[in-house]
Amino acid sequence: MTAKLDDVLGPEFARITRARKALEEACAGVVQMAQGVQDFAPMGTDELPAAVAALQSSEYVDEDDAGACWVSRAFTATPTDLIATGEAGLAFGGAVLMLRGALLDLDEAIAAAARSGPTSPGGTFSR
């Protein structure tokens, strides 16, 4: 699958596609793990429940991106803080950490594609 995607889109855009898919899966994980959490207060700012609700109601890619960023900003707990929140809190915290990794991968993929655009050395419009 990876080779076919690379052949069709090129390696830079295939990387972005894979990163977006990983972010979509991470968003679903956060939403699923959030359902077991009774109290978000020890895990973040007052915005965390609203951020999770926005992520849960997102329907489009840009809404997933915005909701994921909002959840990441609103989640302020450290792994040590999560111990007191119980199993549901630990699972949710783990899902948020996976979400942050997916956001980082997407940012890096987009940045790499921008560096290797059509005007870069070897690109379509390079001199």
N, C-alpha and C. Protein backbone atom coordinates (compact mmCIF):
# COMPACT_ATOMS: atom_id res chain seq x y z
N MET A 1 0.82 -1.20 0.00
CA MET A 1 0.00 0.00 0.00
C MET A 1 0.86 1.26 0.00
N THR A 2 1.91 1.26 0.82
CA THR A 2 2.77 2.43 0.92
C THR A 2 3.41 2.75 -0.42
N ALA A 3 3.95 1.73 -1.11
CA ALA A 3 4.60 1.96 -2.39
C ALA A 3 3.61 2.49 -3.42
N LYS A 4 2.40 1.94 -3.43
CA LYS A 4 1.40 2.40 -4.40
C LYS A 4 1.03 3.85 -4.14
N LEU A 5 0.85 4.20 -2.87
CA LEU A 5 0.51 5.57 -2.51
C LEU A 5 1.64 6.51 -2.91
N ASP A 6 2.87 6.10 -2.67
CA ASP A 6 4.02 6.90 -3.06
C ASP A 6 4.06 7.09 -4.57
N ASP A 7 3.74 6.03 -5.32
CA ASP A 7 3.77 6.11 -6.78
C ASP A 7 2.69 7.05 -7.32
N VAL A 8 1.53 7.04 -6.69
CA VAL A 8 0.41 7.85 -7.17
C VAL A 8 0.57 9.31 -6.77
N LEU A 9 0.90 9.56 -5.50
CA LEU A 9 0.94 10.93 -4.99
C LEU A 9 2.34 11.52 -4.92
N GLY A 10 3.32 10.68 -4.99
CA GLY A 10 4.69 11.13 -4.72
C GLY A 10 4.96 10.96 -3.24
N PRO A 11 6.21 10.76 -2.86
CA PRO A 11 6.50 10.44 -1.46
C PRO A 11 6.11 11.54 -0.47
N GLU A 12 6.23 12.80 -0.86
CA GLU A 12 5.91 13.89 0.08
C GLU A 12 4.41 13.92 0.41
N PHE A 13 3.59 13.86 -0.63
CA PHE A 13 2.15 13.93 -0.39
C PHE A 13 1.60 12.63 0.15
N ALA A 14 2.24 11.52 -0.16
CA ALA A 14 1.84 10.25 0.44
C ALA A 14 2.11 10.28 1.94
N ARG A 15 3.22 10.90 2.32
CA ARG A 15 3.54 11.03 3.75
C ARG A 15 2.48 11.87 4.46
N ILE A 16 2.04 12.94 3.83
CA ILE A 16 0.98 13.77 4.41
C ILE A 16 -0.30 12.96 4.54
N THR A 17 -0.63 12.20 3.52
CA THR A 17 -1.85 11.38 3.55
C THR A 17 -1.80 10.37 4.69
N ARG A 18 -0.66 9.70 4.84
CA ARG A 18 -0.52 8.74 5.94
C ARG A 18 -0.60 9.43 7.29
N ALA A 19 -0.01 10.62 7.41
CA ALA A 19 -0.05 11.36 8.67
C ALA A 19 -1.47 11.82 8.99
N ARG A 20 -2.22 12.23 7.98
CA ARG A 20 -3.62 12.63 8.21
C ARG A 20 -4.46 11.44 8.66
N LYS A 21 -4.22 10.29 8.08
CA LYS A 21 -4.94 9.08 8.48
C LYS A 21 -4.60 8.72 9.93
N ALA A 22 -3.33 8.82 10.29
CA ALA A 22 -2.92 8.55 11.67
C ALA A 22 -3.57 9.54 12.64
N LEU A 23 -3.68 10.81 12.22
CA LEU A 23 -4.33 11.80 13.07
C LEU A 23 -5.81 11.48 13.23
N GLU A 24 -6.44 11.07 12.16
CA GLU A 24 -7.86 10.69 12.22
C GLU A 24 -8.07 9.54 13.21
N GLU A 25 -7.18 8.56 13.17
CA GLU A 25 -7.28 7.42 14.09
C GLU A 25 -7.00 7.86 15.53
N ALA A 26 -6.05 8.77 15.71
CA ALA A 26 -5.74 9.27 17.05
C ALA A 26 -6.91 10.08 17.62
N CYS A 27 -7.58 10.86 16.77
CA CYS A 27 -8.76 11.61 17.19
C CYS A 27 -9.85 10.66 17.67
N ALA A 28 -10.07 9.60 16.92
CA ALA A 28 -11.07 8.61 17.30
C ALA A 28 -10.71 7.97 18.63
N GLY A 29 -9.43 7.72 18.85
CA GLY A 29 -8.98 7.15 20.12
C GLY A 29 -9.24 8.07 21.29
N VAL A 30 -8.98 9.35 21.12
CA VAL A 30 -9.24 10.33 22.19
C VAL A 30 -10.73 10.37 22.51
N VAL A 31 -11.55 10.42 21.49
CA VAL A 31 -13.01 10.48 21.70
C VAL A 31 -13.48 9.22 22.42
N GLN A 32 -12.98 8.08 22.01
CA GLN A 32 -13.39 6.82 22.64
C GLN A 32 -12.95 6.77 24.10
N MET A 33 -11.71 7.13 24.38
CA MET A 33 -11.21 7.07 25.76
C MET A 33 -11.84 8.14 26.65
N ALA A 34 -12.26 9.24 26.07
CA ALA A 34 -12.88 10.31 26.85
C ALA A 34 -14.22 9.89 27.42
N GLN A 35 -14.87 8.93 26.80
CA GLN A 35 -16.19 8.51 27.27
C GLN A 35 -16.16 7.91 28.66
N GLY A 36 -15.02 7.38 29.07
CA GLY A 36 -14.92 6.80 30.41
C GLY A 36 -14.52 7.78 31.49
N VAL A 37 -14.18 8.99 31.11
CA VAL A 37 -13.70 9.99 32.07
C VAL A 37 -14.89 10.69 32.71
N GLN A 38 -14.90 10.70 34.03
CA GLN A 38 -15.97 11.38 34.77
C GLN A 38 -15.65 12.85 35.02
N ASP A 39 -14.37 13.16 35.23
CA ASP A 39 -13.97 14.52 35.59
C ASP A 39 -12.69 14.88 34.85
N PHE A 40 -12.77 15.87 33.99
CA PHE A 40 -11.61 16.31 33.23
C PHE A 40 -10.77 17.34 33.99
N ALA A 41 -11.29 17.88 35.07
CA ALA A 41 -10.62 18.97 35.79
C ALA A 41 -9.17 18.67 36.17
N PRO A 42 -8.85 17.49 36.70
CA PRO A 42 -7.45 17.27 37.08
C PRO A 42 -6.51 17.06 35.88
N MET A 43 -7.05 17.02 34.68
CA MET A 43 -6.23 16.72 33.52
C MET A 43 -5.96 17.91 32.61
N GLY A 44 -6.59 19.04 32.90
CA GLY A 44 -6.35 20.16 32.00
C GLY A 44 -7.10 21.41 32.39
N THR A 45 -7.19 22.29 31.44
CA THR A 45 -7.86 23.57 31.65
C THR A 45 -9.38 23.37 31.64
N ASP A 46 -10.08 24.43 31.94
CA ASP A 46 -11.54 24.39 31.91
C ASP A 46 -12.07 24.13 30.50
N GLU A 47 -11.25 24.34 29.49
CA GLU A 47 -11.66 24.16 28.10
C GLU A 47 -11.62 22.69 27.65
N LEU A 48 -11.00 21.82 28.42
CA LEU A 48 -10.81 20.45 27.97
C LEU A 48 -12.12 19.73 27.63
N PRO A 49 -13.17 19.81 28.44
CA PRO A 49 -14.41 19.13 28.05
C PRO A 49 -14.99 19.67 26.74
N ALA A 50 -14.93 20.97 26.54
CA ALA A 50 -15.44 21.57 25.30
C ALA A 50 -14.58 21.16 24.11
N ALA A 51 -13.28 21.07 24.32
CA ALA A 51 -12.38 20.67 23.24
C ALA A 51 -12.65 19.22 22.82
N VAL A 52 -12.88 18.36 23.80
CA VAL A 52 -13.20 16.96 23.49
C VAL A 52 -14.54 16.88 22.77
N ALA A 53 -15.52 17.67 23.21
CA ALA A 53 -16.83 17.68 22.55
C ALA A 53 -16.71 18.17 21.10
N ALA A 54 -15.88 19.17 20.87
CA ALA A 54 -15.67 19.67 19.51
C ALA A 54 -15.01 18.60 18.64
N LEU A 55 -14.06 17.89 19.21
CA LEU A 55 -13.40 16.82 18.46
C LEU A 55 -14.38 15.70 18.14
N GLN A 56 -15.24 15.41 19.10
CA GLN A 56 -16.23 14.34 18.91
C GLN A 56 -17.23 14.70 17.83
N SER A 57 -17.57 15.96 17.71
CA SER A 57 -18.58 16.37 16.73
C SER A 57 -17.98 16.75 15.37
N SER A 58 -16.67 16.67 15.23
CA SER A 58 -16.06 17.07 13.97
C SER A 58 -16.44 16.09 12.86
N GLU A 59 -16.64 16.66 11.67
CA GLU A 59 -17.03 15.87 10.51
C GLU A 59 -16.04 15.97 9.37
N TYR A 60 -15.19 16.99 9.38
CA TYR A 60 -14.29 17.24 8.27
C TYR A 60 -12.84 17.27 8.75
N VAL A 61 -11.92 17.12 7.83
CA VAL A 61 -10.50 17.06 8.16
C VAL A 61 -10.04 18.30 8.91
N ASP A 62 -10.43 19.49 8.45
CA ASP A 62 -9.99 20.69 9.12
C ASP A 62 -10.56 20.81 10.53
N GLU A 63 -11.75 20.26 10.74
CA GLU A 63 -12.33 20.25 12.09
C GLU A 63 -11.55 19.29 12.98
N ASP A 64 -11.13 18.15 12.43
CA ASP A 64 -10.29 17.22 13.19
C ASP A 64 -8.99 17.89 13.60
N ASP A 65 -8.36 18.58 12.66
CA ASP A 65 -7.10 19.27 12.95
C ASP A 65 -7.29 20.30 14.05
N ALA A 66 -8.29 21.13 13.92
CA ALA A 66 -8.54 22.18 14.91
C ALA A 66 -8.90 21.58 16.27
N GLY A 67 -9.76 20.58 16.27
CA GLY A 67 -10.16 19.94 17.52
C GLY A 67 -8.99 19.25 18.19
N ALA A 68 -8.15 18.59 17.41
CA ALA A 68 -6.97 17.92 17.95
C ALA A 68 -6.01 18.92 18.59
N CYS A 69 -5.80 20.03 17.92
CA CYS A 69 -4.93 21.07 18.48
C CYS A 69 -5.51 21.64 19.77
N TRP A 70 -6.82 21.84 19.78
CA TRP A 70 -7.49 22.38 20.97
C TRP A 70 -7.37 21.40 22.14
N VAL A 71 -7.62 20.13 21.90
CA VAL A 71 -7.48 19.13 22.96
C VAL A 71 -6.04 19.11 23.46
N SER A 72 -5.09 19.15 22.56
CA SER A 72 -3.68 19.13 22.96
C SER A 72 -3.32 20.32 23.83
N ARG A 73 -3.81 21.50 23.47
CA ARG A 73 -3.54 22.70 24.28
C ARG A 73 -4.23 22.65 25.63
N ALA A 74 -5.45 22.13 25.67
CA ALA A 74 -6.24 22.13 26.90
C ALA A 74 -5.80 21.02 27.87
N PHE A 75 -5.14 20.00 27.37
CA PHE A 75 -4.67 18.90 28.21
C PHE A 75 -3.31 19.28 28.79
N THR A 76 -3.24 19.46 30.10
CA THR A 76 -2.01 19.95 30.74
C THR A 76 -1.42 18.97 31.74
N ALA A 77 -2.05 17.83 31.93
CA ALA A 77 -1.59 16.87 32.93
C ALA A 77 -0.28 16.21 32.51
N THR A 78 0.52 15.90 33.50
CA THR A 78 1.72 15.10 33.27
C THR A 78 1.35 13.64 33.50
N PRO A 79 2.17 12.72 33.02
CA PRO A 79 1.87 11.30 33.28
C PRO A 79 1.70 11.00 34.77
N THR A 80 2.46 11.67 35.63
CA THR A 80 2.34 11.47 37.07
C THR A 80 0.97 11.95 37.57
N ASP A 81 0.48 13.04 37.03
CA ASP A 81 -0.84 13.56 37.42
C ASP A 81 -1.95 12.56 37.09
N LEU A 82 -1.76 11.81 36.02
CA LEU A 82 -2.80 10.90 35.55
C LEU A 82 -3.01 9.70 36.47
N ILE A 83 -2.02 9.36 37.27
CA ILE A 83 -2.14 8.20 38.16
C ILE A 83 -3.35 8.35 39.07
N ALA A 84 -3.58 9.55 39.56
CA ALA A 84 -4.69 9.79 40.48
C ALA A 84 -6.06 9.79 39.78
N THR A 85 -6.08 9.80 38.47
CA THR A 85 -7.36 9.87 37.75
C THR A 85 -7.95 8.50 37.47
N GLY A 86 -7.23 7.44 37.79
CA GLY A 86 -7.74 6.09 37.58
C GLY A 86 -7.48 5.58 36.17
N GLU A 87 -8.00 4.41 35.91
CA GLU A 87 -7.76 3.75 34.64
C GLU A 87 -8.29 4.55 33.45
N ALA A 88 -9.48 5.11 33.59
CA ALA A 88 -10.06 5.89 32.48
C ALA A 88 -9.22 7.13 32.19
N GLY A 89 -8.75 7.78 33.23
CA GLY A 89 -7.90 8.96 33.04
C GLY A 89 -6.57 8.62 32.41
N LEU A 90 -5.99 7.50 32.82
CA LEU A 90 -4.74 7.05 32.22
C LEU A 90 -4.92 6.72 30.74
N ALA A 91 -6.01 6.05 30.43
CA ALA A 91 -6.28 5.69 29.03
C ALA A 91 -6.50 6.95 28.18
N PHE A 92 -7.24 7.90 28.73
CA PHE A 92 -7.46 9.16 28.01
C PHE A 92 -6.15 9.91 27.83
N GLY A 93 -5.35 9.98 28.88
CA GLY A 93 -4.06 10.66 28.78
C GLY A 93 -3.16 10.02 27.75
N GLY A 94 -3.15 8.70 27.71
CA GLY A 94 -2.37 8.00 26.69
C GLY A 94 -2.85 8.32 25.29
N ALA A 95 -4.16 8.39 25.13
CA ALA A 95 -4.72 8.73 23.82
C ALA A 95 -4.34 10.14 23.40
N VAL A 96 -4.31 11.07 24.35
CA VAL A 96 -3.91 12.45 24.03
C VAL A 96 -2.43 12.49 23.64
N LEU A 97 -1.61 11.71 24.32
CA LEU A 97 -0.19 11.67 23.95
C LEU A 97 -0.01 11.11 22.54
N MET A 98 -0.79 10.11 22.18
CA MET A 98 -0.76 9.58 20.81
C MET A 98 -1.23 10.65 19.82
N LEU A 99 -2.24 11.41 20.21
CA LEU A 99 -2.74 12.50 19.38
C LEU A 99 -1.64 13.54 19.13
N ARG A 100 -0.91 13.88 20.18
CA ARG A 100 0.18 14.85 20.03
C ARG A 100 1.25 14.32 19.07
N GLY A 101 1.53 13.04 19.16
CA GLY A 101 2.49 12.44 18.23
C GLY A 101 2.00 12.50 16.80
N ALA A 102 0.71 12.26 16.60
CA ALA A 102 0.13 12.33 15.26
C ALA A 102 0.16 13.76 14.72
N LEU A 103 -0.11 14.74 15.59
CA LEU A 103 -0.03 16.14 15.17
C LEU A 103 1.40 16.50 14.76
N LEU A 104 2.37 16.04 15.51
CA LEU A 104 3.76 16.30 15.18
C LEU A 104 4.14 15.67 13.84
N ASP A 105 3.73 14.43 13.64
CA ASP A 105 4.02 13.76 12.37
C ASP A 105 3.42 14.52 11.19
N LEU A 106 2.19 15.00 11.36
CA LEU A 106 1.54 15.76 10.29
C LEU A 106 2.27 17.07 10.03
N ASP A 107 2.63 17.78 11.08
CA ASP A 107 3.37 19.04 10.91
C ASP A 107 4.69 18.80 10.18
N GLU A 108 5.39 17.74 10.56
CA GLU A 108 6.67 17.44 9.91
C GLU A 108 6.48 17.05 8.45
N ALA A 109 5.43 16.29 8.16
CA ALA A 109 5.16 15.89 6.77
C ALA A 109 4.83 17.10 5.91
N ILE A 110 4.04 18.01 6.43
CA ILE A 110 3.69 19.22 5.67
C ILE A 110 4.92 20.08 5.46
N ALA A 111 5.74 20.23 6.49
CA ALA A 111 6.96 21.03 6.36
C ALA A 111 7.92 20.41 5.34
N ALA A 112 8.03 19.09 5.35
CA ALA A 112 8.92 18.42 4.40
C ALA A 112 8.43 18.60 2.97
N ALA A 113 7.14 18.55 2.78
CA ALA A 113 6.58 18.73 1.43
C ALA A 113 6.79 20.16 0.96
N ALA A 114 6.69 21.12 1.87
CA ALA A 114 6.90 22.52 1.49
C ALA A 114 8.35 22.75 1.08
N ARG A 115 9.29 22.07 1.76
CA ARG A 115 10.71 22.23 1.42
C ARG A 115 11.04 21.59 0.08
N SER A 116 10.29 20.57 -0.31
CA SER A 116 10.62 19.87 -1.55
C SER A 116 9.58 20.14 -2.63
N GLY A 117 9.09 21.35 -2.66
CA GLY A 117 8.07 21.72 -3.63
C GLY A 117 8.60 21.84 -5.04
N PRO A 118 7.78 22.29 -5.97
CA PRO A 118 8.15 22.33 -7.38
C PRO A 118 9.29 23.28 -7.70
N THR A 119 9.58 24.25 -6.82
CA THR A 119 10.66 25.18 -7.09
C THR A 119 11.95 24.77 -6.41
N SER A 120 11.95 23.70 -5.64
CA SER A 120 13.18 23.24 -4.99
C SER A 120 14.07 22.55 -6.01
N PRO A 121 15.35 22.37 -5.71
CA PRO A 121 16.25 21.71 -6.66
C PRO A 121 15.69 20.36 -7.13
N GLY A 122 15.63 20.19 -8.42
CA GLY A 122 15.08 18.95 -8.98
C GLY A 122 13.59 18.98 -9.19
N GLY A 123 12.92 20.03 -8.71
CA GLY A 123 11.48 20.15 -8.86
C GLY A 123 11.09 20.59 -10.26
N THR A 124 9.81 20.54 -10.55
CA THR A 124 9.29 20.86 -11.87
C THR A 124 9.71 22.24 -12.36
N PHE A 125 9.68 23.22 -11.45
CA PHE A 125 9.95 24.59 -11.86
C PHE A 125 11.31 25.09 -11.37
N SER A 126 12.21 24.18 -11.04
CA SER A 126 13.53 24.61 -10.56
C SER A 126 14.38 25.11 -11.74
N ARG A 127 15.36 25.87 -11.46
CA ARG A 127 16.21 26.42 -12.52
C ARG A 127 17.40 25.56 -12.73
